[in-house]
Every structure is written in structure tokens, then in C-alpha cells.
Amino acid sequence: MESNKLFVGNISWNLDWKQLKDIFGEYGEVAFTRVVTDKETKRSKGFGFVEFVNAEDAVKAKEALDGAEVDGREIRVDFATEKPRD
């Protein structure tokens, strides 16, 4: 299933949402980025999400960046799946 929201794993703990937006913005208009952080330490958990304005750009970004080296780490990019709400 293709969507406009991507999961980005294995990101460097130094990477913030702005850098993530810059990296993925090369492939289209980014609507939203988020680096998931620990609630207590505020440190990155090593993954995040990037949402594009349209799905075509998300597909281009996934194909180009899955397995790419960013800040010394090989990132994993896949389409995000929504968690079922209780």
C-alpha cells in the first residue's frame, strides 16, 4: 500500500526534524516531519516520519533513500502504517 507518509528508521541520534525535512525535501514538498524522542530524556529513538503533500513524491523518496547513508548510518525507509485506534 502506497501512501504519502513514510517511516524512516535507523536515523542518527544527531538528526532533527529540520534536517530530515531538508533531506526528504529534495524529492518533493514535505508537509510534516517528526523525529520520535524519548519522553523522559528527549533523546531521539532513532526513527521518525516524513509526510509528503502527494504520494508520488513519497514513492520517489522511498526508492531513492531506502538504504542510503545519512550522517554515517544506513537509513531504512518504508511506507508508514497507521496504528489501529482503540
N, C-alpha and C. Protein backbone atom coordinates (compact mmCIF):
# COMPACT_ATOMS: atom_id res chain seq x y z
N MET A 1 0.84 -1.19 0.00
CA MET A 1 0.00 0.00 0.00
C MET A 1 0.88 1.25 0.00
N GLU A 2 0.65 2.09 -0.96
CA GLU A 2 1.42 3.33 -1.03
C GLU A 2 0.62 4.46 -0.42
N SER A 3 1.31 5.29 0.32
CA SER A 3 0.68 6.47 0.90
C SER A 3 1.66 7.62 0.79
N ASN A 4 1.31 8.73 1.36
CA ASN A 4 2.21 9.87 1.34
C ASN A 4 3.03 9.99 2.63
N LYS A 5 2.90 9.01 3.52
CA LYS A 5 3.62 9.04 4.80
C LYS A 5 4.65 7.92 4.85
N LEU A 6 5.89 8.31 5.19
CA LEU A 6 6.98 7.35 5.24
C LEU A 6 7.50 7.17 6.67
N PHE A 7 7.88 5.95 6.98
CA PHE A 7 8.60 5.64 8.21
C PHE A 7 10.08 5.67 7.86
N VAL A 8 10.89 6.31 8.69
CA VAL A 8 12.33 6.38 8.47
C VAL A 8 13.02 5.81 9.70
N GLY A 9 13.71 4.68 9.53
CA GLY A 9 14.36 4.01 10.64
C GLY A 9 15.87 4.07 10.55
N ASN A 10 16.50 3.79 11.67
CA ASN A 10 17.96 3.76 11.80
C ASN A 10 18.59 5.12 11.53
N ILE A 11 17.90 6.19 11.92
CA ILE A 11 18.49 7.52 11.73
C ILE A 11 19.44 7.85 12.88
N SER A 12 20.38 8.70 12.59
CA SER A 12 21.35 9.13 13.58
C SER A 12 20.65 9.88 14.71
N TRP A 13 21.15 9.71 15.92
CA TRP A 13 20.58 10.43 17.06
C TRP A 13 20.83 11.93 16.96
N ASN A 14 21.74 12.34 16.09
CA ASN A 14 22.03 13.76 15.90
C ASN A 14 21.04 14.44 14.96
N LEU A 15 20.28 13.67 14.21
CA LEU A 15 19.39 14.22 13.19
C LEU A 15 18.12 14.78 13.83
N ASP A 16 17.73 15.99 13.44
CA ASP A 16 16.48 16.57 13.95
C ASP A 16 15.47 16.68 12.83
N TRP A 17 14.28 17.13 13.14
CA TRP A 17 13.19 17.17 12.16
C TRP A 17 13.50 18.09 10.99
N LYS A 18 14.24 19.17 11.24
CA LYS A 18 14.57 20.11 10.17
C LYS A 18 15.51 19.45 9.16
N GLN A 19 16.50 18.72 9.66
CA GLN A 19 17.43 18.03 8.76
C GLN A 19 16.71 16.94 7.98
N LEU A 20 15.81 16.24 8.63
CA LEU A 20 15.01 15.22 7.96
C LEU A 20 14.19 15.85 6.84
N LYS A 21 13.61 17.00 7.11
CA LYS A 21 12.81 17.71 6.10
C LYS A 21 13.69 18.13 4.92
N ASP A 22 14.89 18.61 5.20
CA ASP A 22 15.81 19.02 4.13
C ASP A 22 16.19 17.83 3.24
N ILE A 23 16.50 16.71 3.86
CA ILE A 23 16.92 15.52 3.12
C ILE A 23 15.79 15.02 2.22
N PHE A 24 14.61 14.89 2.78
CA PHE A 24 13.48 14.35 2.02
C PHE A 24 12.86 15.40 1.09
N GLY A 25 13.06 16.67 1.40
CA GLY A 25 12.52 17.74 0.58
C GLY A 25 13.10 17.79 -0.82
N GLU A 26 14.21 17.11 -1.04
CA GLU A 26 14.80 17.05 -2.37
C GLU A 26 13.93 16.25 -3.34
N TYR A 27 12.97 15.50 -2.81
CA TYR A 27 12.13 14.63 -3.64
C TYR A 27 10.70 15.12 -3.78
N GLY A 28 10.38 16.23 -3.16
CA GLY A 28 9.04 16.78 -3.28
C GLY A 28 8.70 17.64 -2.07
N GLU A 29 7.47 18.14 -2.07
CA GLU A 29 7.03 19.03 -0.99
C GLU A 29 6.67 18.23 0.26
N VAL A 30 7.40 18.50 1.33
CA VAL A 30 7.18 17.81 2.60
C VAL A 30 6.17 18.60 3.43
N ALA A 31 5.14 17.91 3.88
CA ALA A 31 4.10 18.55 4.68
C ALA A 31 4.44 18.51 6.17
N PHE A 32 5.15 17.45 6.61
CA PHE A 32 5.36 17.25 8.05
C PHE A 32 6.52 16.30 8.26
N THR A 33 7.35 16.57 9.26
CA THR A 33 8.38 15.62 9.67
C THR A 33 8.37 15.52 11.19
N ARG A 34 8.77 14.36 11.67
CA ARG A 34 8.84 14.15 13.12
C ARG A 34 9.92 13.13 13.42
N VAL A 35 10.80 13.47 14.34
CA VAL A 35 11.76 12.53 14.88
C VAL A 35 11.21 12.12 16.24
N VAL A 36 10.99 10.84 16.44
CA VAL A 36 10.40 10.35 17.69
C VAL A 36 11.46 10.38 18.79
N THR A 37 11.08 10.96 19.92
CA THR A 37 12.02 11.11 21.04
C THR A 37 11.47 10.44 22.30
N ASP A 38 12.38 10.07 23.17
CA ASP A 38 12.02 9.52 24.47
C ASP A 38 11.40 10.63 25.31
N LYS A 39 10.30 10.34 25.97
CA LYS A 39 9.59 11.36 26.75
C LYS A 39 10.43 11.91 27.90
N GLU A 40 11.21 11.04 28.53
CA GLU A 40 11.97 11.48 29.70
C GLU A 40 13.29 12.15 29.33
N THR A 41 14.05 11.54 28.44
CA THR A 41 15.38 12.06 28.12
C THR A 41 15.37 13.05 26.96
N LYS A 42 14.30 13.06 26.20
CA LYS A 42 14.17 13.91 24.99
C LYS A 42 15.16 13.52 23.90
N ARG A 43 15.80 12.37 24.05
CA ARG A 43 16.76 11.88 23.07
C ARG A 43 16.02 11.11 21.96
N SER A 44 16.52 11.23 20.75
CA SER A 44 15.92 10.54 19.61
C SER A 44 15.91 9.04 19.86
N LYS A 45 14.84 8.39 19.42
CA LYS A 45 14.75 6.93 19.49
C LYS A 45 15.31 6.28 18.22
N GLY A 46 15.78 7.11 17.28
CA GLY A 46 16.41 6.57 16.07
C GLY A 46 15.46 6.31 14.93
N PHE A 47 14.25 6.86 15.02
CA PHE A 47 13.32 6.74 13.89
C PHE A 47 12.40 7.94 13.85
N GLY A 48 11.74 8.10 12.71
CA GLY A 48 10.84 9.23 12.55
C GLY A 48 9.89 9.01 11.38
N PHE A 49 9.18 10.07 11.05
CA PHE A 49 8.18 10.01 9.98
C PHE A 49 8.30 11.25 9.10
N VAL A 50 8.04 11.04 7.82
CA VAL A 50 8.02 12.14 6.86
C VAL A 50 6.72 12.01 6.07
N GLU A 51 5.96 13.09 6.02
CA GLU A 51 4.72 13.08 5.26
C GLU A 51 4.85 14.05 4.10
N PHE A 52 4.58 13.57 2.91
CA PHE A 52 4.64 14.39 1.71
C PHE A 52 3.24 14.91 1.36
N VAL A 53 3.21 15.98 0.57
CA VAL A 53 1.93 16.51 0.11
C VAL A 53 1.25 15.51 -0.81
N ASN A 54 2.03 14.80 -1.64
CA ASN A 54 1.42 13.80 -2.51
C ASN A 54 2.20 12.49 -2.49
N ALA A 55 1.50 11.41 -2.79
CA ALA A 55 2.06 10.06 -2.70
C ALA A 55 3.17 9.82 -3.72
N GLU A 56 3.10 10.45 -4.89
CA GLU A 56 4.13 10.24 -5.91
C GLU A 56 5.51 10.64 -5.40
N ASP A 57 5.57 11.75 -4.68
CA ASP A 57 6.85 12.21 -4.13
C ASP A 57 7.35 11.26 -3.05
N ALA A 58 6.42 10.71 -2.27
CA ALA A 58 6.81 9.74 -1.24
C ALA A 58 7.43 8.51 -1.89
N VAL A 59 6.86 8.06 -3.00
CA VAL A 59 7.40 6.91 -3.71
C VAL A 59 8.81 7.20 -4.19
N LYS A 60 9.02 8.38 -4.78
CA LYS A 60 10.36 8.76 -5.26
C LYS A 60 11.37 8.79 -4.12
N ALA A 61 10.98 9.37 -3.00
CA ALA A 61 11.88 9.48 -1.85
C ALA A 61 12.21 8.10 -1.29
N LYS A 62 11.21 7.23 -1.19
CA LYS A 62 11.45 5.88 -0.67
C LYS A 62 12.44 5.14 -1.55
N GLU A 63 12.22 5.19 -2.86
CA GLU A 63 13.11 4.49 -3.79
C GLU A 63 14.54 5.04 -3.74
N ALA A 64 14.67 6.34 -3.58
CA ALA A 64 16.00 6.96 -3.59
C ALA A 64 16.74 6.81 -2.26
N LEU A 65 16.02 6.84 -1.16
CA LEU A 65 16.69 6.94 0.14
C LEU A 65 16.72 5.65 0.96
N ASP A 66 15.91 4.66 0.63
CA ASP A 66 15.96 3.41 1.38
C ASP A 66 17.34 2.78 1.20
N GLY A 67 18.07 2.63 2.29
CA GLY A 67 19.42 2.06 2.25
C GLY A 67 20.52 3.10 2.06
N ALA A 68 20.14 4.37 1.92
CA ALA A 68 21.14 5.42 1.73
C ALA A 68 21.84 5.73 3.06
N GLU A 69 23.08 6.19 2.96
CA GLU A 69 23.81 6.58 4.16
C GLU A 69 23.54 8.05 4.46
N VAL A 70 23.06 8.29 5.68
CA VAL A 70 22.78 9.65 6.15
C VAL A 70 23.42 9.81 7.51
N ASP A 71 24.33 10.75 7.63
CA ASP A 71 25.04 11.02 8.89
C ASP A 71 25.68 9.76 9.45
N GLY A 72 26.29 8.97 8.54
CA GLY A 72 27.03 7.79 8.96
C GLY A 72 26.20 6.54 9.21
N ARG A 73 24.90 6.60 8.96
CA ARG A 73 24.05 5.42 9.20
C ARG A 73 23.24 5.10 7.95
N GLU A 74 23.00 3.82 7.72
CA GLU A 74 22.20 3.39 6.59
C GLU A 74 20.73 3.41 7.00
N ILE A 75 19.98 4.37 6.47
CA ILE A 75 18.59 4.51 6.90
C ILE A 75 17.68 3.52 6.18
N ARG A 76 16.58 3.19 6.83
CA ARG A 76 15.54 2.34 6.25
C ARG A 76 14.32 3.22 6.02
N VAL A 77 13.76 3.14 4.83
CA VAL A 77 12.58 3.94 4.50
C VAL A 77 11.50 3.00 3.98
N ASP A 78 10.31 3.13 4.55
CA ASP A 78 9.18 2.32 4.10
C ASP A 78 7.90 3.14 4.29
N PHE A 79 6.84 2.69 3.69
CA PHE A 79 5.56 3.36 3.87
C PHE A 79 5.08 3.12 5.29
N ALA A 80 4.62 4.18 5.94
CA ALA A 80 4.14 4.08 7.31
C ALA A 80 2.79 3.41 7.34
N THR A 81 2.56 2.64 8.37
CA THR A 81 1.24 2.02 8.58
C THR A 81 0.61 2.67 9.80
N GLU A 82 -0.67 2.92 9.70
CA GLU A 82 -1.37 3.54 10.81
C GLU A 82 -1.66 2.51 11.89
N LYS A 83 -1.50 2.91 13.13
CA LYS A 83 -1.86 2.05 14.24
C LYS A 83 -3.37 2.04 14.39
N PRO A 84 -3.94 0.88 14.66
CA PRO A 84 -5.39 0.87 14.90
C PRO A 84 -5.70 1.59 16.21
N ARG A 85 -6.72 2.40 16.19
CA ARG A 85 -7.12 3.14 17.39
C ARG A 85 -8.09 2.30 18.21
N ASP A 86 -7.89 2.33 19.53
CA ASP A 86 -8.79 1.56 20.42
C ASP A 86 -10.07 2.32 20.66
